[in-house]
PDB file of all heavy atoms in Angstrom:
ATOM      1  N   ARG A   1     -83.652 -47.171   1.453  1.00  0.00           N
ATOM      2  CA  ARG A   1     -83.368 -46.340   2.634  1.00  0.00           C
ATOM      3  C   ARG A   1     -84.682 -45.762   3.140  1.00  0.00           C
ATOM      4  O   ARG A   1     -85.553 -45.393   2.359  1.00  0.00           O
ATOM      5  CB  ARG A   1     -82.466 -45.168   2.257  1.00  0.00           C
ATOM      6  CG  ARG A   1     -81.072 -45.545   1.858  1.00  0.00           C
ATOM      7  CD  ARG A   1     -80.328 -44.309   1.369  1.00  0.00           C
ATOM      8  NE  ARG A   1     -79.802 -43.530   2.492  1.00  0.00           N
ATOM      9  CZ  ARG A   1     -79.515 -42.240   2.423  1.00  0.00           C
ATOM     10  NH1 ARG A   1     -79.723 -41.561   1.321  1.00  0.00           N
ATOM     11  NH2 ARG A   1     -79.027 -41.597   3.479  1.00  0.00           N
ATOM     12  N   GLU A   2     -84.797 -45.669   4.443  1.00  0.00           N
ATOM     13  CA  GLU A   2     -85.982 -45.042   5.042  1.00  0.00           C
ATOM     14  C   GLU A   2     -85.503 -43.960   6.002  1.00  0.00           C
ATOM     15  O   GLU A   2     -84.602 -44.204   6.812  1.00  0.00           O
ATOM     16  CB  GLU A   2     -86.797 -46.072   5.836  1.00  0.00           C
ATOM     17  CG  GLU A   2     -87.542 -47.079   4.984  1.00  0.00           C
ATOM     18  CD  GLU A   2     -88.850 -46.533   4.431  1.00  0.00           C
ATOM     19  OE1 GLU A   2     -89.151 -45.327   4.653  1.00  0.00           O
ATOM     20  OE2 GLU A   2     -89.568 -47.305   3.779  1.00  0.00           O
ATOM     21  N   ARG A   3     -86.121 -42.795   5.921  1.00  0.00           N
ATOM     22  CA  ARG A   3     -85.781 -41.756   6.899  1.00  0.00           C
ATOM     23  C   ARG A   3     -86.763 -41.851   8.056  1.00  0.00           C
ATOM     24  O   ARG A   3     -87.978 -41.833   7.851  1.00  0.00           O
ATOM     25  CB  ARG A   3     -85.875 -40.365   6.256  1.00  0.00           C
ATOM     26  CG  ARG A   3     -85.460 -39.263   7.228  1.00  0.00           C
ATOM     27  CD  ARG A   3     -85.319 -37.913   6.540  1.00  0.00           C
ATOM     28  NE  ARG A   3     -84.847 -36.908   7.490  1.00  0.00           N
ATOM     29  CZ  ARG A   3     -85.667 -36.103   8.168  1.00  0.00           C
ATOM     30  NH1 ARG A   3     -86.968 -36.169   7.990  1.00  0.00           N
ATOM     31  NH2 ARG A   3     -85.162 -35.229   9.032  1.00  0.00           N
ATOM     32  N   ILE A   4     -86.224 -41.986   9.256  1.00  0.00           N
ATOM     33  CA  ILE A   4     -87.082 -42.039  10.446  1.00  0.00           C
ATOM     34  C   ILE A   4     -87.111 -40.614  10.995  1.00  0.00           C
ATOM     35  O   ILE A   4     -86.185 -40.176  11.684  1.00  0.00           O
ATOM     36  CB  ILE A   4     -86.502 -43.031  11.489  1.00  0.00           C
ATOM     37  CG1 ILE A   4     -86.310 -44.422  10.870  1.00  0.00           C
ATOM     38  CG2 ILE A   4     -87.392 -43.092  12.730  1.00  0.00           C
ATOM     39  CD1 ILE A   4     -87.547 -45.127  10.400  1.00  0.00           C
ATOM     40  N   SER A   5     -88.180 -39.868  10.649  1.00  0.00           N
ATOM     41  CA  SER A   5     -88.160 -38.438  10.996  1.00  0.00           C
ATOM     42  C   SER A   5     -88.324 -38.211  12.501  1.00  0.00           C
ATOM     43  O   SER A   5     -87.667 -37.360  13.079  1.00  0.00           O
ATOM     44  CB  SER A   5     -89.215 -37.678  10.207  1.00  0.00           C
ATOM     45  OG  SER A   5     -90.479 -38.228  10.450  1.00  0.00           O
ATOM     46  N   ARG A   6     -89.221 -39.027  13.140  1.00  0.00           N
ATOM     47  CA  ARG A   6     -89.384 -38.851  14.591  1.00  0.00           C
ATOM     48  C   ARG A   6     -89.490 -40.205  15.267  1.00  0.00           C
ATOM     49  O   ARG A   6     -89.967 -41.168  14.669  1.00  0.00           O
ATOM     50  CB  ARG A   6     -90.643 -38.028  14.883  1.00  0.00           C
ATOM     51  CG  ARG A   6     -90.452 -36.546  14.536  1.00  0.00           C
ATOM     52  CD  ARG A   6     -91.653 -35.730  14.933  1.00  0.00           C
ATOM     53  NE  ARG A   6     -92.832 -36.104  14.154  1.00  0.00           N
ATOM     54  CZ  ARG A   6     -94.082 -35.795  14.507  1.00  0.00           C
ATOM     55  NH1 ARG A   6     -94.303 -35.129  15.627  1.00  0.00           N
ATOM     56  NH2 ARG A   6     -95.100 -36.143  13.758  1.00  0.00           N
ATOM     57  N   ILE A   7     -89.068 -40.248  16.525  1.00  0.00           N
ATOM     58  CA  ILE A   7     -89.173 -41.495  17.304  1.00  0.00           C
ATOM     59  C   ILE A   7     -89.982 -41.189  18.558  1.00  0.00           C
ATOM     60  O   ILE A   7     -89.787 -40.147  19.195  1.00  0.00           O
ATOM     61  CB  ILE A   7     -87.782 -42.028  17.714  1.00  0.00           C
ATOM     62  CG1 ILE A   7     -86.898 -42.231  16.474  1.00  0.00           C
ATOM     63  CG2 ILE A   7     -87.907 -43.341  18.472  1.00  0.00           C
ATOM     64  CD1 ILE A   7     -85.454 -42.569  16.801  1.00  0.00           C
ATOM     65  N   PHE A   8     -90.888 -42.098  18.895  1.00  0.00           N
ATOM     66  CA  PHE A   8     -91.724 -41.904  20.085  1.00  0.00           C
ATOM     67  C   PHE A   8     -91.550 -43.062  21.046  1.00  0.00           C
ATOM     68  O   PHE A   8     -91.284 -44.188  20.644  1.00  0.00           O
ATOM     69  CB  PHE A   8     -93.209 -41.852  19.694  1.00  0.00           C
ATOM     70  CG  PHE A   8     -93.590 -40.670  18.871  1.00  0.00           C
ATOM     71  CD1 PHE A   8     -93.992 -40.829  17.550  1.00  0.00           C
ATOM     72  CD2 PHE A   8     -93.554 -39.391  19.400  1.00  0.00           C
ATOM     73  CE1 PHE A   8     -94.355 -39.742  16.781  1.00  0.00           C
ATOM     74  CE2 PHE A   8     -93.925 -38.284  18.643  1.00  0.00           C
ATOM     75  CZ  PHE A   8     -94.319 -38.465  17.327  1.00  0.00           C
ATOM     76  N   GLN A   9     -91.745 -42.725  22.326  1.00  0.00           N
ATOM     77  CA  GLN A   9     -91.927 -43.778  23.312  1.00  0.00           C
ATOM     78  C   GLN A   9     -93.436 -43.866  23.473  1.00  0.00           C
ATOM     79  O   GLN A   9     -94.106 -42.842  23.590  1.00  0.00           O
ATOM     80  CB  GLN A   9     -91.289 -43.356  24.625  1.00  0.00           C
ATOM     81  CG  GLN A   9     -91.065 -44.527  25.512  1.00  0.00           C
ATOM     82  CD  GLN A   9     -89.679 -44.488  26.123  1.00  0.00           C
ATOM     83  OE1 GLN A   9     -89.321 -43.527  26.746  1.00  0.00           O
ATOM     84  NE2 GLN A   9     -88.911 -45.532  25.949  1.00  0.00           N
ATOM     85  N   MET A  10     -93.980 -45.076  23.440  1.00  0.00           N
ATOM     86  CA  MET A  10     -95.436 -45.191  23.414  1.00  0.00           C
ATOM     87  C   MET A  10     -96.029 -45.292  24.815  1.00  0.00           C
ATOM     88  O   MET A  10     -95.465 -45.925  25.690  1.00  0.00           O
ATOM     89  CB  MET A  10     -95.838 -46.442  22.625  1.00  0.00           C
ATOM     90  CG  MET A  10     -95.504 -46.350  21.155  1.00  0.00           C
ATOM     91  SD  MET A  10     -96.191 -44.887  20.362  1.00  0.00           S
ATOM     92  CE  MET A  10     -97.944 -45.236  20.482  1.00  0.00           C
ATOM     93  N   HIS A  11     -97.173 -44.620  24.969  1.00  0.00           N
ATOM     94  CA  HIS A  11     -97.946 -44.803  26.191  1.00  0.00           C
ATOM     95  C   HIS A  11     -99.376 -45.026  25.736  1.00  0.00           C
ATOM     96  O   HIS A  11    -100.145 -44.086  25.586  1.00  0.00           O
ATOM     97  CB  HIS A  11     -97.825 -43.577  27.096  1.00  0.00           C
ATOM     98  CG  HIS A  11     -98.521 -43.770  28.406  1.00  0.00           C
ATOM     99  ND1 HIS A  11     -98.200 -44.816  29.244  1.00  0.00           N
ATOM    100  CD2 HIS A  11     -99.535 -43.104  29.001  1.00  0.00           C
ATOM    101  CE1 HIS A  11     -98.996 -44.760  30.310  1.00  0.00           C
ATOM    102  NE2 HIS A  11     -99.799 -43.746  30.181  1.00  0.00           N
ATOM    103  N   ALA A  12     -99.703 -46.314  25.432  1.00  0.00           N
ATOM    104  CA  ALA A  12    -100.972 -46.683  24.787  1.00  0.00           C
ATOM    105  C   ALA A  12    -101.115 -45.884  23.500  1.00  0.00           C
ATOM    106  O   ALA A  12    -100.284 -46.016  22.622  1.00  0.00           O
ATOM    107  CB  ALA A  12    -102.148 -46.503  25.739  1.00  0.00           C
ATOM    108  N   ASN A  13    -102.152 -45.011  23.365  1.00  0.00           N
ATOM    109  CA  ASN A  13    -102.281 -44.287  22.094  1.00  0.00           C
ATOM    110  C   ASN A  13    -101.720 -42.871  22.183  1.00  0.00           C
ATOM    111  O   ASN A  13    -102.006 -42.022  21.350  1.00  0.00           O
ATOM    112  CB  ASN A  13    -103.746 -44.256  21.648  1.00  0.00           C
ATOM    113  CG  ASN A  13    -104.619 -43.514  22.638  1.00  0.00           C
ATOM    114  OD1 ASN A  13    -104.278 -43.455  23.822  1.00  0.00           O
ATOM    115  ND2 ASN A  13    -105.712 -42.955  22.178  1.00  0.00           N
ATOM    116  N   LYS A  14    -100.953 -42.591  23.237  1.00  0.00           N
ATOM    117  CA  LYS A  14    -100.293 -41.272  23.327  1.00  0.00           C
ATOM    118  C   LYS A  14     -98.805 -41.477  23.062  1.00  0.00           C
ATOM    119  O   LYS A  14     -98.260 -42.517  23.389  1.00  0.00           O
ATOM    120  CB  LYS A  14    -100.497 -40.669  24.715  1.00  0.00           C
ATOM    121  CG  LYS A  14    -101.959 -40.430  25.065  1.00  0.00           C
ATOM    122  CD  LYS A  14    -102.087 -39.824  26.458  1.00  0.00           C
ATOM    123  CE  LYS A  14    -103.542 -39.657  26.840  1.00  0.00           C
ATOM    124  NZ  LYS A  14    -104.252 -40.947  26.966  1.00  0.00           N
ATOM    125  N   GLN A  15     -98.194 -40.473  22.443  1.00  0.00           N
ATOM    126  CA  GLN A  15     -96.768 -40.622  22.140  1.00  0.00           C
ATOM    127  C   GLN A  15     -95.956 -39.571  22.874  1.00  0.00           C
ATOM    128  O   GLN A  15     -96.377 -38.424  22.972  1.00  0.00           O
ATOM    129  CB  GLN A  15     -96.506 -40.440  20.638  1.00  0.00           C
ATOM    130  CG  GLN A  15     -97.254 -41.403  19.748  1.00  0.00           C
ATOM    131  CD  GLN A  15     -98.609 -40.886  19.333  1.00  0.00           C
ATOM    132  OE1 GLN A  15     -98.900 -39.710  19.458  1.00  0.00           O
ATOM    133  NE2 GLN A  15     -99.448 -41.769  18.853  1.00  0.00           N
ATOM    134  N   GLU A  16     -94.814 -39.991  23.379  1.00  0.00           N
ATOM    135  CA  GLU A  16     -93.875 -39.031  23.969  1.00  0.00           C
ATOM    136  C   GLU A  16     -92.643 -39.009  23.067  1.00  0.00           C
ATOM    137  O   GLU A  16     -91.950 -40.027  22.946  1.00  0.00           O
ATOM    138  CB  GLU A  16     -93.490 -39.483  25.388  1.00  0.00           C
ATOM    139  CG  GLU A  16     -94.682 -39.450  26.347  1.00  0.00           C
ATOM    140  CD  GLU A  16     -94.421 -40.214  27.636  1.00  0.00           C
ATOM    141  OE1 GLU A  16     -93.247 -40.502  27.934  1.00  0.00           O
ATOM    142  OE2 GLU A  16     -95.406 -40.529  28.337  1.00  0.00           O
ATOM    143  N   PRO A  17     -92.364 -37.857  22.383  1.00  0.00           N
ATOM    144  CA  PRO A  17     -91.233 -37.822  21.451  1.00  0.00           C
ATOM    145  C   PRO A  17     -89.910 -38.008  22.202  1.00  0.00           C
ATOM    146  O   PRO A  17     -89.723 -37.473  23.296  1.00  0.00           O
ATOM    147  CB  PRO A  17     -91.301 -36.427  20.821  1.00  0.00           C
ATOM    148  CG  PRO A  17     -92.498 -35.768  21.392  1.00  0.00           C
ATOM    149  CD  PRO A  17     -93.082 -36.593  22.470  1.00  0.00           C
ATOM    150  N   ILE A  18     -89.002 -38.797  21.630  1.00  0.00           N
ATOM    151  CA  ILE A  18     -87.654 -38.943  22.212  1.00  0.00           C
ATOM    152  C   ILE A  18     -86.639 -38.675  21.096  1.00  0.00           C
ATOM    153  O   ILE A  18     -86.958 -38.811  19.920  1.00  0.00           O
ATOM    154  CB  ILE A  18     -87.424 -40.345  22.841  1.00  0.00           C
ATOM    155  CG1 ILE A  18     -87.825 -41.472  21.874  1.00  0.00           C
ATOM    156  CG2 ILE A  18     -88.161 -40.498  24.147  1.00  0.00           C
ATOM    157  CD1 ILE A  18     -87.566 -42.877  22.393  1.00  0.00           C
ATOM    158  N   GLU A  19     -85.444 -38.288  21.482  1.00  0.00           N
ATOM    159  CA  GLU A  19     -84.455 -37.887  20.465  1.00  0.00           C
ATOM    160  C   GLU A  19     -83.755 -39.080  19.832  1.00  0.00           C
ATOM    161  O   GLU A  19     -83.313 -39.015  18.693  1.00  0.00           O
ATOM    162  CB  GLU A  19     -83.415 -36.948  21.102  1.00  0.00           C
ATOM    163  CG  GLU A  19     -83.992 -35.556  21.353  1.00  0.00           C
ATOM    164  CD  GLU A  19     -83.063 -34.694  22.189  1.00  0.00           C
ATOM    165  OE1 GLU A  19     -81.845 -34.970  22.172  1.00  0.00           O
ATOM    166  OE2 GLU A  19     -83.555 -33.765  22.845  1.00  0.00           O
ATOM    167  N   TYR A  20     -83.635 -40.163  20.570  1.00  0.00           N
ATOM    168  CA  TYR A  20     -82.944 -41.328  20.011  1.00  0.00           C
ATOM    169  C   TYR A  20     -83.443 -42.578  20.728  1.00  0.00           C
ATOM    170  O   TYR A  20     -84.102 -42.504  21.767  1.00  0.00           O
ATOM    171  CB  TYR A  20     -81.420 -41.204  20.178  1.00  0.00           C
ATOM    172  CG  TYR A  20     -80.974 -41.136  21.621  1.00  0.00           C
ATOM    173  CD1 TYR A  20     -80.719 -42.298  22.348  1.00  0.00           C
ATOM    174  CD2 TYR A  20     -80.828 -39.905  22.270  1.00  0.00           C
ATOM    175  CE1 TYR A  20     -80.337 -42.244  23.679  1.00  0.00           C
ATOM    176  CE2 TYR A  20     -80.445 -39.842  23.607  1.00  0.00           C
ATOM    177  CZ  TYR A  20     -80.201 -41.021  24.298  1.00  0.00           C
ATOM    178  OH  TYR A  20     -79.834 -40.969  25.615  1.00  0.00           O
ATOM    179  N   ILE A  21     -83.126 -43.725  20.140  1.00  0.00           N
ATOM    180  CA  ILE A  21     -83.467 -44.995  20.785  1.00  0.00           C
ATOM    181  C   ILE A  21     -82.223 -45.874  20.747  1.00  0.00           C
ATOM    182  O   ILE A  21     -81.434 -45.791  19.807  1.00  0.00           O
ATOM    183  CB  ILE A  21     -84.670 -45.660  20.086  1.00  0.00           C
ATOM    184  CG1 ILE A  21     -85.220 -46.806  20.937  1.00  0.00           C
ATOM    185  CG2 ILE A  21     -84.336 -46.139  18.686  1.00  0.00           C
ATOM    186  CD1 ILE A  21     -86.617 -47.203  20.558  1.00  0.00           C
ATOM    187  N   GLU A  22     -82.045 -46.678  21.809  1.00  0.00           N
ATOM    188  CA  GLU A  22     -80.827 -47.489  21.895  1.00  0.00           C
ATOM    189  C   GLU A  22     -81.170 -48.965  22.037  1.00  0.00           C
ATOM    190  O   GLU A  22     -82.320 -49.328  22.293  1.00  0.00           O
ATOM    191  CB  GLU A  22     -79.998 -47.050  23.117  1.00  0.00           C
ATOM    192  CG  GLU A  22     -79.394 -45.682  22.940  1.00  0.00           C
ATOM    193  CD  GLU A  22     -78.466 -45.297  24.090  1.00  0.00           C
ATOM    194  OE1 GLU A  22     -78.600 -45.846  25.208  1.00  0.00           O
ATOM    195  OE2 GLU A  22     -77.617 -44.446  23.858  1.00  0.00           O
ATOM    196  N   ALA A  23     -80.127 -49.788  21.867  1.00  0.00           N
ATOM    197  CA  ALA A  23     -80.257 -51.245  21.996  1.00  0.00           C
ATOM    198  C   ALA A  23     -81.128 -51.615  23.195  1.00  0.00           C
ATOM    199  O   ALA A  23     -80.985 -51.039  24.272  1.00  0.00           O
ATOM    200  CB  ALA A  23     -78.871 -51.847  22.179  1.00  0.00           C
ATOM    201  N   GLY A  24     -82.013 -52.590  22.993  1.00  0.00           N
ATOM    202  CA  GLY A  24     -82.809 -53.101  24.109  1.00  0.00           C
ATOM    203  C   GLY A  24     -84.114 -52.384  24.336  1.00  0.00           C
ATOM    204  O   GLY A  24     -84.939 -52.821  25.130  1.00  0.00           O
ATOM    205  N   ASP A  25     -84.359 -51.274  23.624  1.00  0.00           N
ATOM    206  CA  ASP A  25     -85.578 -50.515  23.889  1.00  0.00           C
ATOM    207  C   ASP A  25     -86.643 -50.766  22.819  1.00  0.00           C
ATOM    208  O   ASP A  25     -86.358 -51.270  21.742  1.00  0.00           O
ATOM    209  CB  ASP A  25     -85.249 -49.011  23.962  1.00  0.00           C
ATOM    210  CG  ASP A  25     -86.017 -48.334  25.100  1.00  0.00           C
ATOM    211  OD1 ASP A  25     -87.039 -48.912  25.526  1.00  0.00           O
ATOM    212  OD2 ASP A  25     -85.612 -47.255  25.548  1.00  0.00           O
ATOM    213  N   ILE A  26     -87.876 -50.380  23.136  1.00  0.00           N
ATOM    214  CA  ILE A  26     -88.991 -50.508  22.189  1.00  0.00           C
ATOM    215  C   ILE A  26     -89.551 -49.116  21.943  1.00  0.00           C
ATOM    216  O   ILE A  26     -89.772 -48.359  22.889  1.00  0.00           O
ATOM    217  CB  ILE A  26     -90.083 -51.446  22.769  1.00  0.00           C
ATOM    218  CG1 ILE A  26     -89.563 -52.891  22.806  1.00  0.00           C
ATOM    219  CG2 ILE A  26     -91.368 -51.367  21.953  1.00  0.00           C
ATOM    220  CD1 ILE A  26     -90.509 -53.895  23.422  1.00  0.00           C
TER     221      ILE A  26
END
């Protein structure tokens, strides 16, 4: 099991935190 503590949407080397990710996204 792996805990995914945070998820980011990437903008090159900057990250924008998002609360969840859904099918079809990166």
